[in-house]
PDB file of all heavy atoms in Angstrom:
ATOM      1  N   MET A   1      48.928 122.791  96.333  1.00  0.00           N
ATOM      2  CA  MET A   1      49.283 123.555  97.533  1.00  0.00           C
ATOM      3  C   MET A   1      48.295 124.687  97.781  1.00  0.00           C
ATOM      4  O   MET A   1      48.020 125.036  98.931  1.00  0.00           O
ATOM      5  CB  MET A   1      50.707 124.102  97.401  1.00  0.00           C
ATOM      6  CG  MET A   1      51.775 123.028  97.480  1.00  0.00           C
ATOM      7  SD  MET A   1      51.744 122.100  99.051  1.00  0.00           S
ATOM      8  CE  MET A   1      51.597 120.422  98.444  1.00  0.00           C
ATOM      9  N   ASP A   2      47.737 125.252  96.710  1.00  0.00           N
ATOM     10  CA  ASP A   2      46.671 126.244  96.885  1.00  0.00           C
ATOM     11  C   ASP A   2      45.500 125.626  97.638  1.00  0.00           C
ATOM     12  O   ASP A   2      44.906 126.249  98.525  1.00  0.00           O
ATOM     13  CB  ASP A   2      46.182 126.766  95.528  1.00  0.00           C
ATOM     14  CG  ASP A   2      47.212 127.618  94.804  1.00  0.00           C
ATOM     15  OD1 ASP A   2      48.182 128.056  95.450  1.00  0.00           O
ATOM     16  OD2 ASP A   2      47.047 127.833  93.597  1.00  0.00           O
ATOM     17  N   PHE A   3      45.187 124.387  97.281  1.00  0.00           N
ATOM     18  CA  PHE A   3      44.064 123.699  97.915  1.00  0.00           C
ATOM     19  C   PHE A   3      44.369 123.399  99.389  1.00  0.00           C
ATOM     20  O   PHE A   3      43.505 123.575 100.253  1.00  0.00           O
ATOM     21  CB  PHE A   3      43.752 122.409  97.165  1.00  0.00           C
ATOM     22  CG  PHE A   3      42.586 121.640  97.730  1.00  0.00           C
ATOM     23  CD1 PHE A   3      41.301 122.153  97.665  1.00  0.00           C
ATOM     24  CD2 PHE A   3      42.779 120.406  98.332  1.00  0.00           C
ATOM     25  CE1 PHE A   3      40.217 121.452  98.190  1.00  0.00           C
ATOM     26  CE2 PHE A   3      41.708 119.699  98.857  1.00  0.00           C
ATOM     27  CZ  PHE A   3      40.419 120.228  98.790  1.00  0.00           C
ATOM     28  N   ILE A   4      45.582 122.968  99.674  1.00  0.00           N
ATOM     29  CA  ILE A   4      45.956 122.686 101.065  1.00  0.00           C
ATOM     30  C   ILE A   4      45.933 123.970 101.893  1.00  0.00           C
ATOM     31  O   ILE A   4      45.494 123.967 103.053  1.00  0.00           O
ATOM     32  CB  ILE A   4      47.327 121.985 101.119  1.00  0.00           C
ATOM     33  CG1 ILE A   4      47.176 120.547 100.585  1.00  0.00           C
ATOM     34  CG2 ILE A   4      47.896 121.972 102.541  1.00  0.00           C
ATOM     35  CD1 ILE A   4      48.479 119.807 100.390  1.00  0.00           C
ATOM     36  N   ALA A   5      46.380 125.070 101.296  1.00  0.00           N
ATOM     37  CA  ALA A   5      46.298 126.358 101.984  1.00  0.00           C
ATOM     38  C   ALA A   5      44.851 126.704 102.291  1.00  0.00           C
ATOM     39  O   ALA A   5      44.530 127.231 103.372  1.00  0.00           O
ATOM     40  CB  ALA A   5      46.934 127.453 101.133  1.00  0.00           C
ATOM     41  N   GLU A   6      43.944 126.373 101.360  1.00  0.00           N
ATOM     42  CA  GLU A   6      42.520 126.649 101.571  1.00  0.00           C
ATOM     43  C   GLU A   6      41.948 125.845 102.727  1.00  0.00           C
ATOM     44  O   GLU A   6      41.036 126.307 103.420  1.00  0.00           O
ATOM     45  CB  GLU A   6      41.719 126.372 100.292  1.00  0.00           C
ATOM     46  CG  GLU A   6      41.872 127.417  99.208  1.00  0.00           C
ATOM     47  CD  GLU A   6      41.458 128.814  99.641  1.00  0.00           C
ATOM     48  OE1 GLU A   6      40.610 128.949 100.547  1.00  0.00           O
ATOM     49  OE2 GLU A   6      41.998 129.775  99.091  1.00  0.00           O
ATOM     50  N   ILE A   7      42.459 124.651 102.931  1.00  0.00           N
ATOM     51  CA  ILE A   7      42.002 123.846 104.076  1.00  0.00           C
ATOM     52  C   ILE A   7      42.279 124.601 105.378  1.00  0.00           C
ATOM     53  O   ILE A   7      41.420 124.724 106.247  1.00  0.00           O
ATOM     54  CB  ILE A   7      42.686 122.458 104.086  1.00  0.00           C
ATOM     55  CG1 ILE A   7      42.212 121.612 102.895  1.00  0.00           C
ATOM     56  CG2 ILE A   7      42.396 121.730 105.402  1.00  0.00           C
ATOM     57  CD1 ILE A   7      42.951 120.284 102.738  1.00  0.00           C
ATOM     58  N   VAL A   8      43.496 125.129 105.497  1.00  0.00           N
ATOM     59  CA  VAL A   8      43.888 125.854 106.714  1.00  0.00           C
ATOM     60  C   VAL A   8      43.122 127.170 106.832  1.00  0.00           C
ATOM     61  O   VAL A   8      42.592 127.510 107.897  1.00  0.00           O
ATOM     62  CB  VAL A   8      45.412 126.101 106.724  1.00  0.00           C
ATOM     63  CG1 VAL A   8      45.809 126.958 107.919  1.00  0.00           C
ATOM     64  CG2 VAL A   8      46.174 124.779 106.741  1.00  0.00           C
ATOM     65  N   LEU A   9      43.043 127.929 105.740  1.00  0.00           N
ATOM     66  CA  LEU A   9      42.405 129.244 105.794  1.00  0.00           C
ATOM     67  C   LEU A   9      40.884 129.129 105.980  1.00  0.00           C
ATOM     68  O   LEU A   9      40.270 129.995 106.617  1.00  0.00           O
ATOM     69  CB  LEU A   9      42.730 130.029 104.525  1.00  0.00           C
ATOM     70  CG  LEU A   9      44.219 130.388 104.368  1.00  0.00           C
ATOM     71  CD1 LEU A   9      44.480 131.038 103.027  1.00  0.00           C
ATOM     72  CD2 LEU A   9      44.681 131.302 105.493  1.00  0.00           C
ATOM     73  N   SER A  10      40.288 128.065 105.463  1.00  0.00           N
ATOM     74  CA  SER A  10      38.856 127.845 105.686  1.00  0.00           C
ATOM     75  C   SER A  10      38.593 127.445 107.145  1.00  0.00           C
ATOM     76  O   SER A  10      37.535 127.757 107.705  1.00  0.00           O
ATOM     77  CB  SER A  10      38.331 126.768 104.740  1.00  0.00           C
ATOM     78  OG  SER A  10      38.425 127.203 103.401  1.00  0.00           O
ATOM     79  N   TYR A  11      39.562 126.774 107.754  1.00  0.00           N
ATOM     80  CA  TYR A  11      39.499 126.460 109.190  1.00  0.00           C
ATOM     81  C   TYR A  11      39.524 127.762 109.992  1.00  0.00           C
ATOM     82  O   TYR A  11      38.784 127.918 110.974  1.00  0.00           O
ATOM     83  CB  TYR A  11      40.674 125.562 109.547  1.00  0.00           C
ATOM     84  CG  TYR A  11      40.822 125.203 111.007  1.00  0.00           C
ATOM     85  CD1 TYR A  11      39.775 124.657 111.737  1.00  0.00           C
ATOM     86  CD2 TYR A  11      42.047 125.386 111.656  1.00  0.00           C
ATOM     87  CE1 TYR A  11      39.938 124.302 113.072  1.00  0.00           C
ATOM     88  CE2 TYR A  11      42.221 125.033 112.984  1.00  0.00           C
ATOM     89  CZ  TYR A  11      41.160 124.494 113.691  1.00  0.00           C
ATOM     90  OH  TYR A  11      41.323 124.138 115.003  1.00  0.00           O
ATOM     91  N   VAL A  12      40.331 128.711 109.553  1.00  0.00           N
ATOM     92  CA  VAL A  12      40.369 130.034 110.182  1.00  0.00           C
ATOM     93  C   VAL A  12      38.992 130.693 110.072  1.00  0.00           C
ATOM     94  O   VAL A  12      38.497 131.296 111.032  1.00  0.00           O
ATOM     95  CB  VAL A  12      41.454 130.930 109.543  1.00  0.00           C
ATOM     96  CG1 VAL A  12      41.350 132.369 110.054  1.00  0.00           C
ATOM     97  CG2 VAL A  12      42.846 130.375 109.814  1.00  0.00           C
ATOM     98  N   ASP A  13      38.356 130.570 108.893  1.00  0.00           N
ATOM     99  CA  ASP A  13      36.997 131.124 108.701  1.00  0.00           C
ATOM    100  C   ASP A  13      36.029 130.548 109.732  1.00  0.00           C
ATOM    101  O   ASP A  13      35.203 131.269 110.310  1.00  0.00           O
ATOM    102  CB  ASP A  13      36.471 130.798 107.300  1.00  0.00           C
ATOM    103  CG  ASP A  13      37.265 131.472 106.189  1.00  0.00           C
ATOM    104  OD1 ASP A  13      38.013 132.427 106.485  1.00  0.00           O
ATOM    105  OD2 ASP A  13      37.143 131.034 105.022  1.00  0.00           O
ATOM    106  N   LEU A  14      36.142 129.246 109.957  1.00  0.00           N
ATOM    107  CA  LEU A  14      35.259 128.580 110.921  1.00  0.00           C
ATOM    108  C   LEU A  14      35.496 129.104 112.336  1.00  0.00           C
ATOM    109  O   LEU A  14      34.546 129.426 113.065  1.00  0.00           O
ATOM    110  CB  LEU A  14      35.496 127.064 110.871  1.00  0.00           C
ATOM    111  CG  LEU A  14      34.736 126.216 111.901  1.00  0.00           C
ATOM    112  CD1 LEU A  14      33.236 126.297 111.677  1.00  0.00           C
ATOM    113  CD2 LEU A  14      35.208 124.763 111.848  1.00  0.00           C
ATOM    114  N   LEU A  15      36.762 129.192 112.738  1.00  0.00           N
ATOM    115  CA  LEU A  15      37.093 129.687 114.080  1.00  0.00           C
ATOM    116  C   LEU A  15      36.634 131.134 114.258  1.00  0.00           C
ATOM    117  O   LEU A  15      36.153 131.522 115.327  1.00  0.00           O
ATOM    118  CB  LEU A  15      38.602 129.580 114.320  1.00  0.00           C
ATOM    119  CG  LEU A  15      39.202 128.165 114.305  1.00  0.00           C
ATOM    120  CD1 LEU A  15      40.714 128.220 114.501  1.00  0.00           C
ATOM    121  CD2 LEU A  15      38.567 127.273 115.373  1.00  0.00           C
ATOM    122  N   LEU A  16      36.773 131.931 113.192  1.00  0.00           N
ATOM    123  CA  LEU A  16      36.338 133.332 113.260  1.00  0.00           C
ATOM    124  C   LEU A  16      34.820 133.409 113.414  1.00  0.00           C
ATOM    125  O   LEU A  16      34.311 134.225 114.201  1.00  0.00           O
ATOM    126  CB  LEU A  16      36.791 134.064 111.993  1.00  0.00           C
ATOM    127  CG  LEU A  16      36.433 135.551 111.901  1.00  0.00           C
ATOM    128  CD1 LEU A  16      37.053 136.339 113.044  1.00  0.00           C
ATOM    129  CD2 LEU A  16      36.889 136.128 110.554  1.00  0.00           C
ATOM    130  N   SER A  17      34.097 132.571 112.694  1.00  0.00           N
ATOM    131  CA  SER A  17      32.630 132.545 112.798  1.00  0.00           C
ATOM    132  C   SER A  17      32.193 132.283 114.233  1.00  0.00           C
ATOM    133  O   SER A  17      31.296 132.949 114.772  1.00  0.00           O
ATOM    134  CB  SER A  17      32.048 131.457 111.894  1.00  0.00           C
ATOM    135  OG  SER A  17      32.288 131.742 110.547  1.00  0.00           O
ATOM    136  N   LYS A  18      32.835 131.318 114.863  1.00  0.00           N
ATOM    137  CA  LYS A  18      32.492 130.956 116.246  1.00  0.00           C
ATOM    138  C   LYS A  18      32.763 132.111 117.204  1.00  0.00           C
ATOM    139  O   LYS A  18      31.956 132.418 118.082  1.00  0.00           O
ATOM    140  CB  LYS A  18      33.276 129.711 116.674  1.00  0.00           C
ATOM    141  CG  LYS A  18      32.833 128.445 115.962  1.00  0.00           C
ATOM    142  CD  LYS A  18      33.674 127.240 116.400  1.00  0.00           C
ATOM    143  CE  LYS A  18      33.194 125.949 115.735  1.00  0.00           C
ATOM    144  NZ  LYS A  18      34.029 124.780 116.117  1.00  0.00           N
ATOM    145  N   LYS A  19      33.886 132.776 117.028  1.00  0.00           N
ATOM    146  CA  LYS A  19      34.264 133.893 117.904  1.00  0.00           C
ATOM    147  C   LYS A  19      33.296 135.069 117.745  1.00  0.00           C
ATOM    148  O   LYS A  19      32.925 135.720 118.722  1.00  0.00           O
ATOM    149  CB  LYS A  19      35.683 134.350 117.579  1.00  0.00           C
ATOM    150  CG  LYS A  19      36.784 133.431 118.082  1.00  0.00           C
ATOM    151  CD  LYS A  19      37.041 133.651 119.571  1.00  0.00           C
ATOM    152  CE  LYS A  19      38.288 132.876 120.014  1.00  0.00           C
ATOM    153  NZ  LYS A  19      38.546 133.090 121.467  1.00  0.00           N
ATOM    154  N   LEU A  20      32.895 135.340 116.505  1.00  0.00           N
ATOM    155  CA  LEU A  20      32.009 136.477 116.263  1.00  0.00           C
ATOM    156  C   LEU A  20      30.614 136.224 116.824  1.00  0.00           C
ATOM    157  O   LEU A  20      29.926 137.163 117.248  1.00  0.00           O
ATOM    158  CB  LEU A  20      31.941 136.787 114.763  1.00  0.00           C
ATOM    159  CG  LEU A  20      33.258 137.276 114.129  1.00  0.00           C
ATOM    160  CD1 LEU A  20      33.065 137.610 112.665  1.00  0.00           C
ATOM    161  CD2 LEU A  20      33.824 138.476 114.878  1.00  0.00           C
ATOM    162  N   ARG A  21      30.195 134.962 116.836  1.00  0.00           N
ATOM    163  CA  ARG A  21      28.916 134.635 117.470  1.00  0.00           C
ATOM    164  C   ARG A  21      28.979 134.926 118.970  1.00  0.00           C
ATOM    165  O   ARG A  21      28.043 135.469 119.550  1.00  0.00           O
ATOM    166  CB  ARG A  21      28.559 133.158 117.233  1.00  0.00           C
ATOM    167  CG  ARG A  21      27.930 132.896 115.888  1.00  0.00           C
ATOM    168  CD  ARG A  21      27.139 131.593 115.862  1.00  0.00           C
ATOM    169  NE  ARG A  21      27.972 130.429 116.161  1.00  0.00           N
ATOM    170  CZ  ARG A  21      28.663 129.747 115.251  1.00  0.00           C
ATOM    171  NH1 ARG A  21      28.620 130.114 113.977  1.00  0.00           N
ATOM    172  NH2 ARG A  21      29.390 128.702 115.598  1.00  0.00           N
ATOM    173  N   ILE A  22      30.097 134.567 119.589  1.00  0.00           N
ATOM    174  CA  ILE A  22      30.283 134.823 121.028  1.00  0.00           C
ATOM    175  C   ILE A  22      30.293 136.320 121.302  1.00  0.00           C
ATOM    176  O   ILE A  22      29.727 136.800 122.300  1.00  0.00           O
ATOM    177  CB  ILE A  22      31.599 134.172 121.519  1.00  0.00           C
ATOM    178  CG1 ILE A  22      31.494 132.641 121.434  1.00  0.00           C
ATOM    179  CG2 ILE A  22      31.934 134.608 122.947  1.00  0.00           C
ATOM    180  CD1 ILE A  22      32.812 131.913 121.648  1.00  0.00           C
ATOM    181  N   LEU A  23      30.918 137.088 120.393  1.00  0.00           N
ATOM    182  CA  LEU A  23      31.001 138.542 120.549  1.00  0.00           C
ATOM    183  C   LEU A  23      29.711 139.247 120.146  1.00  0.00           C
ATOM    184  O   LEU A  23      29.595 140.467 120.286  1.00  0.00           O
ATOM    185  CB  LEU A  23      32.161 139.085 119.714  1.00  0.00           C
ATOM    186  CG  LEU A  23      33.570 138.666 120.152  1.00  0.00           C
ATOM    187  CD1 LEU A  23      34.609 139.077 119.111  1.00  0.00           C
ATOM    188  CD2 LEU A  23      33.909 139.283 121.508  1.00  0.00           C
ATOM    189  N   LYS A  24      28.733 138.456 119.621  1.00  0.00           N
ATOM    190  CA  LYS A  24      27.434 138.986 119.189  1.00  0.00           C
ATOM    191  C   LYS A  24      27.561 140.049 118.091  1.00  0.00           C
ATOM    192  O   LYS A  24      26.782 141.009 118.042  1.00  0.00           O
ATOM    193  CB  LYS A  24      26.651 139.533 120.390  1.00  0.00           C
ATOM    194  CG  LYS A  24      26.230 138.452 121.378  1.00  0.00           C
ATOM    195  CD  LYS A  24      25.398 139.030 122.505  1.00  0.00           C
ATOM    196  CE  LYS A  24      24.707 137.955 123.332  1.00  0.00           C
ATOM    197  NZ  LYS A  24      25.584 136.897 123.839  1.00  0.00           N
ATOM    198  N   ILE A  25      28.552 139.851 117.223  1.00  0.00           N
ATOM    199  CA  ILE A  25      28.683 140.706 116.036  1.00  0.00           C
ATOM    200  C   ILE A  25      27.963 139.990 114.898  1.00  0.00           C
ATOM    201  O   ILE A  25      28.356 138.892 114.500  1.00  0.00           O
ATOM    202  CB  ILE A  25      30.165 140.952 115.682  1.00  0.00           C
ATOM    203  CG1 ILE A  25      30.860 141.693 116.828  1.00  0.00           C
ATOM    204  CG2 ILE A  25      30.285 141.756 114.386  1.00  0.00           C
ATOM    205  CD1 ILE A  25      32.350 141.884 116.614  1.00  0.00           C
ATOM    206  N   THR A  26      26.906 140.589 114.401  1.00  0.00           N
ATOM    207  CA  THR A  26      26.069 139.887 113.424  1.00  0.00           C
ATOM    208  C   THR A  26      25.955 140.590 112.071  1.00  0.00           C
ATOM    209  O   THR A  26      25.703 139.944 111.059  1.00  0.00           O
ATOM    210  CB  THR A  26      24.648 139.693 113.987  1.00  0.00           C
ATOM    211  OG1 THR A  26      24.099 140.985 114.316  1.00  0.00           O
ATOM    212  CG2 THR A  26      24.668 138.822 115.244  1.00  0.00           C
ATOM    213  N   LYS A  27      26.110 141.916 112.065  1.00  0.00           N
ATOM    214  CA  LYS A  27      25.928 142.660 110.807  1.00  0.00           C
ATOM    215  C   LYS A  27      27.296 142.902 110.151  1.00  0.00           C
ATOM    216  O   LYS A  27      27.961 143.906 110.394  1.00  0.00           O
ATOM    217  CB  LYS A  27      25.225 143.995 111.092  1.00  0.00           C
ATOM    218  CG  LYS A  27      24.878 144.816 109.849  1.00  0.00           C
ATOM    219  CD  LYS A  27      23.891 144.102 108.938  1.00  0.00           C
ATOM    220  CE  LYS A  27      23.514 144.994 107.759  1.00  0.00           C
ATOM    221  NZ  LYS A  27      22.637 144.310 106.784  1.00  0.00           N
ATOM    222  N   TYR A  28      27.707 141.947 109.329  1.00  0.00           N
ATOM    223  CA  TYR A  28      29.002 142.059 108.650  1.00  0.00           C
ATOM    224  C   TYR A  28      29.003 141.134 107.435  1.00  0.00           C
ATOM    225  O   TYR A  28      28.150 140.262 107.289  1.00  0.00           O
ATOM    226  CB  TYR A  28      30.154 141.672 109.587  1.00  0.00           C
ATOM    227  CG  TYR A  28      30.147 140.205 109.988  1.00  0.00           C
ATOM    228  CD1 TYR A  28      30.834 139.256 109.237  1.00  0.00           C
ATOM    229  CD2 TYR A  28      29.435 139.768 111.102  1.00  0.00           C
ATOM    230  CE1 TYR A  28      30.810 137.900 109.582  1.00  0.00           C
ATOM    231  CE2 TYR A  28      29.413 138.431 111.464  1.00  0.00           C
ATOM    232  CZ  TYR A  28      30.090 137.500 110.700  1.00  0.00           C
ATOM    233  OH  TYR A  28      30.063 136.173 111.043  1.00  0.00           O
ATOM    234  N   LYS A  29      29.968 141.350 106.568  1.00  0.00           N
ATOM    235  CA  LYS A  29      30.201 140.445 105.430  1.00  0.00           C
ATOM    236  C   LYS A  29      31.697 140.407 105.195  1.00  0.00           C
ATOM    237  O   LYS A  29      32.369 141.448 105.187  1.00  0.00           O
ATOM    238  CB  LYS A  29      29.499 140.969 104.173  1.00  0.00           C
ATOM    239  CG  LYS A  29      29.602 140.044 102.967  1.00  0.00           C
ATOM    240  CD  LYS A  29      28.695 138.840 103.105  1.00  0.00           C
ATOM    241  CE  LYS A  29      28.680 137.996 101.837  1.00  0.00           C
ATOM    242  NZ  LYS A  29      27.769 136.851 101.942  1.00  0.00           N
ATOM    243  N   ILE A  30      32.244 139.210 105.021  1.00  0.00           N
ATOM    244  CA  ILE A  30      33.672 139.053 104.753  1.00  0.00           C
ATOM    245  C   ILE A  30      33.848 138.303 103.440  1.00  0.00           C
ATOM    246  O   ILE A  30      33.292 137.219 103.260  1.00  0.00           O
ATOM    247  CB  ILE A  30      34.388 138.296 105.889  1.00  0.00           C
ATOM    248  CG1 ILE A  30      34.272 139.079 107.202  1.00  0.00           C
ATOM    249  CG2 ILE A  30      35.868 138.067 105.540  1.00  0.00           C
ATOM    250  CD1 ILE A  30      34.800 138.338 108.424  1.00  0.00           C
ATOM    251  N   LEU A  31      34.593 138.901 102.531  1.00  0.00           N
ATOM    252  CA  LEU A  31      34.982 138.228 101.291  1.00  0.00           C
ATOM    253  C   LEU A  31      36.456 137.877 101.418  1.00  0.00           C
ATOM    254  O   LEU A  31      37.287 138.749 101.693  1.00  0.00           O
ATOM    255  CB  LEU A  31      34.767 139.132 100.077  1.00  0.00           C
ATOM    256  CG  LEU A  31      33.346 139.647  99.822  1.00  0.00           C
ATOM    257  CD1 LEU A  31      33.322 140.507  98.566  1.00  0.00           C
ATOM    258  CD2 LEU A  31      32.350 138.498  99.699  1.00  0.00           C
ATOM    259  N   ARG A  32      36.765 136.616 101.238  1.00  0.00           N
ATOM    260  CA  ARG A  32      38.179 136.189 101.317  1.00  0.00           C
ATOM    261  C   ARG A  32      38.585 135.553  99.993  1.00  0.00           C
ATOM    262  O   ARG A  32      37.896 134.681  99.476  1.00  0.00           O
ATOM    263  CB  ARG A  32      38.401 135.185 102.459  1.00  0.00           C
ATOM    264  CG  ARG A  32      39.857 134.719 102.547  1.00  0.00           C
ATOM    265  CD  ARG A  32      40.107 133.807 103.724  1.00  0.00           C
ATOM    266  NE  ARG A  32      39.413 132.530 103.620  1.00  0.00           N
ATOM    267  CZ  ARG A  32      39.816 131.518 102.849  1.00  0.00           C
ATOM    268  NH1 ARG A  32      40.894 131.639 102.075  1.00  0.00           N
ATOM    269  NH2 ARG A  32      39.129 130.376 102.840  1.00  0.00           N
ATOM    270  N   TYR A  33      39.713 136.014  99.491  1.00  0.00           N
ATOM    271  CA  TYR A  33      40.331 135.363  98.330  1.00  0.00           C
ATOM    272  C   TYR A  33      41.735 134.953  98.755  1.00  0.00           C
ATOM    273  O   TYR A  33      42.623 135.795  98.904  1.00  0.00           O
ATOM    274  CB  TYR A  33      40.390 136.292  97.119  1.00  0.00           C
ATOM    275  CG  TYR A  33      40.814 135.571  95.858  1.00  0.00           C
ATOM    276  CD1 TYR A  33      39.862 134.959  95.042  1.00  0.00           C
ATOM    277  CD2 TYR A  33      42.154 135.432  95.520  1.00  0.00           C
ATOM    278  CE1 TYR A  33      40.238 134.256  93.904  1.00  0.00           C
ATOM    279  CE2 TYR A  33      42.539 134.730  94.387  1.00  0.00           C
ATOM    280  CZ  TYR A  33      41.585 134.151  93.588  1.00  0.00           C
ATOM    281  OH  TYR A  33      41.966 133.449  92.466  1.00  0.00           O
ATOM    282  N   ARG A  34      41.884 133.666  99.021  1.00  0.00           N
ATOM    283  CA  ARG A  34      43.109 133.133  99.575  1.00  0.00           C
ATOM    284  C   ARG A  34      43.457 133.872 100.870  1.00  0.00           C
ATOM    285  O   ARG A  34      42.702 133.805 101.827  1.00  0.00           O
ATOM    286  CB  ARG A  34      44.235 133.176  98.551  1.00  0.00           C
ATOM    287  CG  ARG A  34      45.327 132.144  98.827  1.00  0.00           C
ATOM    288  CD  ARG A  34      46.108 131.794  97.580  1.00  0.00           C
ATOM    289  NE  ARG A  34      45.271 131.132  96.598  1.00  0.00           N
ATOM    290  CZ  ARG A  34      45.272 131.396  95.297  1.00  0.00           C
ATOM    291  NH1 ARG A  34      46.058 132.330  94.824  1.00  0.00           N
ATOM    292  NH2 ARG A  34      44.510 130.722  94.487  1.00  0.00           N
ATOM    293  N   ASP A  35      44.563 134.604 100.933  1.00  0.00           N
ATOM    294  CA  ASP A  35      44.968 135.239 102.193  1.00  0.00           C
ATOM    295  C   ASP A  35      44.576 136.708 102.251  1.00  0.00           C
ATOM    296  O   ASP A  35      45.034 137.458 103.102  1.00  0.00           O
ATOM    297  CB  ASP A  35      46.479 135.095 102.402  1.00  0.00           C
ATOM    298  CG  ASP A  35      47.284 135.735 101.287  1.00  0.00           C
ATOM    299  OD1 ASP A  35      46.704 136.048 100.233  1.00  0.00           O
ATOM    300  OD2 ASP A  35      48.504 135.922 101.468  1.00  0.00           O
ATOM    301  N   ASP A  36      43.715 137.138 101.334  1.00  0.00           N
ATOM    302  CA  ASP A  36      43.283 138.529 101.248  1.00  0.00           C
ATOM    303  C   ASP A  36      41.850 138.654 101.765  1.00  0.00           C
ATOM    304  O   ASP A  36      40.958 137.932 101.304  1.00  0.00           O
ATOM    305  CB  ASP A  36      43.383 139.000  99.786  1.00  0.00           C
ATOM    306  CG  ASP A  36      42.932 140.430  99.614  1.00  0.00           C
ATOM    307  OD1 ASP A  36      43.766 141.319  99.785  1.00  0.00           O
ATOM    308  OD2 ASP A  36      41.738 140.643  99.309  1.00  0.00           O
ATOM    309  N   TYR A  37      41.636 139.572 102.715  1.00  0.00           N
ATOM    310  CA  TYR A  37      40.323 139.730 103.345  1.00  0.00           C
ATOM    311  C   TYR A  37      39.743 141.113 103.063  1.00  0.00           C
ATOM    312  O   TYR A  37      40.458 142.117 103.108  1.00  0.00           O
ATOM    313  CB  TYR A  37      40.432 139.581 104.867  1.00  0.00           C
ATOM    314  CG  TYR A  37      40.821 138.215 105.359  1.00  0.00           C
ATOM    315  CD1 TYR A  37      42.158 137.814 105.376  1.00  0.00           C
ATOM    316  CD2 TYR A  37      39.864 137.307 105.832  1.00  0.00           C
ATOM    317  CE1 TYR A  37      42.536 136.560 105.840  1.00  0.00           C
ATOM    318  CE2 TYR A  37      40.229 136.058 106.298  1.00  0.00           C
ATOM    319  CZ  TYR A  37      41.571 135.681 106.304  1.00  0.00           C
ATOM    320  OH  TYR A  37      41.935 134.443 106.767  1.00  0.00           O
ATOM    321  N   ARG A  38      38.433 141.139 102.822  1.00  0.00           N
ATOM    322  CA  ARG A  38      37.675 142.391 102.756  1.00  0.00           C
ATOM    323  C   ARG A  38      36.547 142.272 103.770  1.00  0.00           C
ATOM    324  O   ARG A  38      35.655 141.426 103.620  1.00  0.00           O
ATOM    325  CB  ARG A  38      37.130 142.629 101.347  1.00  0.00           C
ATOM    326  CG  ARG A  38      38.228 142.788 100.304  1.00  0.00           C
ATOM    327  CD  ARG A  38      37.682 143.091  98.925  1.00  0.00           C
ATOM    328  NE  ARG A  38      38.781 143.277  97.974  1.00  0.00           N
ATOM    329  CZ  ARG A  38      38.681 143.919  96.819  1.00  0.00           C
ATOM    330  NH1 ARG A  38      37.514 144.435  96.462  1.00  0.00           N
ATOM    331  NH2 ARG A  38      39.715 144.054  96.020  1.00  0.00           N
ATOM    332  N   ILE A  39      36.584 143.116 104.797  1.00  0.00           N
ATOM    333  CA  ILE A  39      35.632 143.035 105.902  1.00  0.00           C
ATOM    334  C   ILE A  39      34.679 144.228 105.819  1.00  0.00           C
ATOM    335  O   ILE A  39      35.098 145.385 105.952  1.00  0.00           O
ATOM    336  CB  ILE A  39      36.376 143.034 107.260  1.00  0.00           C
ATOM    337  CG1 ILE A  39      37.346 141.837 107.325  1.00  0.00           C
ATOM    338  CG2 ILE A  39      35.388 143.001 108.421  1.00  0.00           C
ATOM    339  CD1 ILE A  39      38.330 141.898 108.480  1.00  0.00           C
ATOM    340  N   PHE A  40      33.394 143.962 105.566  1.00  0.00           N
ATOM    341  CA  PHE A  40      32.390 145.001 105.388  1.00  0.00           C
ATOM    342  C   PHE A  40      31.525 145.109 106.651  1.00  0.00           C
ATOM    343  O   PHE A  40      31.038 144.092 107.161  1.00  0.00           O
ATOM    344  CB  PHE A  40      31.483 144.678 104.200  1.00  0.00           C
ATOM    345  CG  PHE A  40      32.216 144.607 102.883  1.00  0.00           C
ATOM    346  CD1 PHE A  40      32.861 143.454 102.480  1.00  0.00           C
ATOM    347  CD2 PHE A  40      32.254 145.718 102.042  1.00  0.00           C
ATOM    348  CE1 PHE A  40      33.542 143.381 101.269  1.00  0.00           C
ATOM    349  CE2 PHE A  40      32.925 145.661 100.828  1.00  0.00           C
ATOM    350  CZ  PHE A  40      33.571 144.493 100.442  1.00  0.00           C
ATOM    351  N   THR A  41      31.334 146.336 107.138  1.00  0.00           N
ATOM    352  CA  THR A  41      30.467 146.581 108.297  1.00  0.00           C
ATOM    353  C   THR A  41      29.800 147.954 108.148  1.00  0.00           C
ATOM    354  O   THR A  41      30.138 148.731 107.258  1.00  0.00           O
ATOM    355  CB  THR A  41      31.259 146.578 109.631  1.00  0.00           C
ATOM    356  OG1 THR A  41      32.142 147.708 109.636  1.00  0.00           O
ATOM    357  CG2 THR A  41      32.050 145.299 109.821  1.00  0.00           C
ATOM    358  N   ASN A  42      28.893 148.233 109.070  1.00  0.00           N
ATOM    359  CA  ASN A  42      28.323 149.579 109.162  1.00  0.00           C
ATOM    360  C   ASN A  42      28.871 150.325 110.357  1.00  0.00           C
ATOM    361  O   ASN A  42      28.479 151.472 110.623  1.00  0.00           O
ATOM    362  CB  ASN A  42      26.794 149.503 109.262  1.00  0.00           C
ATOM    363  CG  ASN A  42      26.158 149.207 107.911  1.00  0.00           C
ATOM    364  OD1 ASN A  42      26.534 149.791 106.899  1.00  0.00           O
ATOM    365  ND2 ASN A  42      25.218 148.268 107.893  1.00  0.00           N
TER     366      ASN A  42
END
């Protein structure tokens, strides 16, 4: 079930990547561990 959750959450990562490209946000780093996010920016 952890793996199945990763399928869904990795899909979220993909959708977020696409949206951020449209928004032209390029200088960032996101570390995700399961449902926990750390979003780094300047």
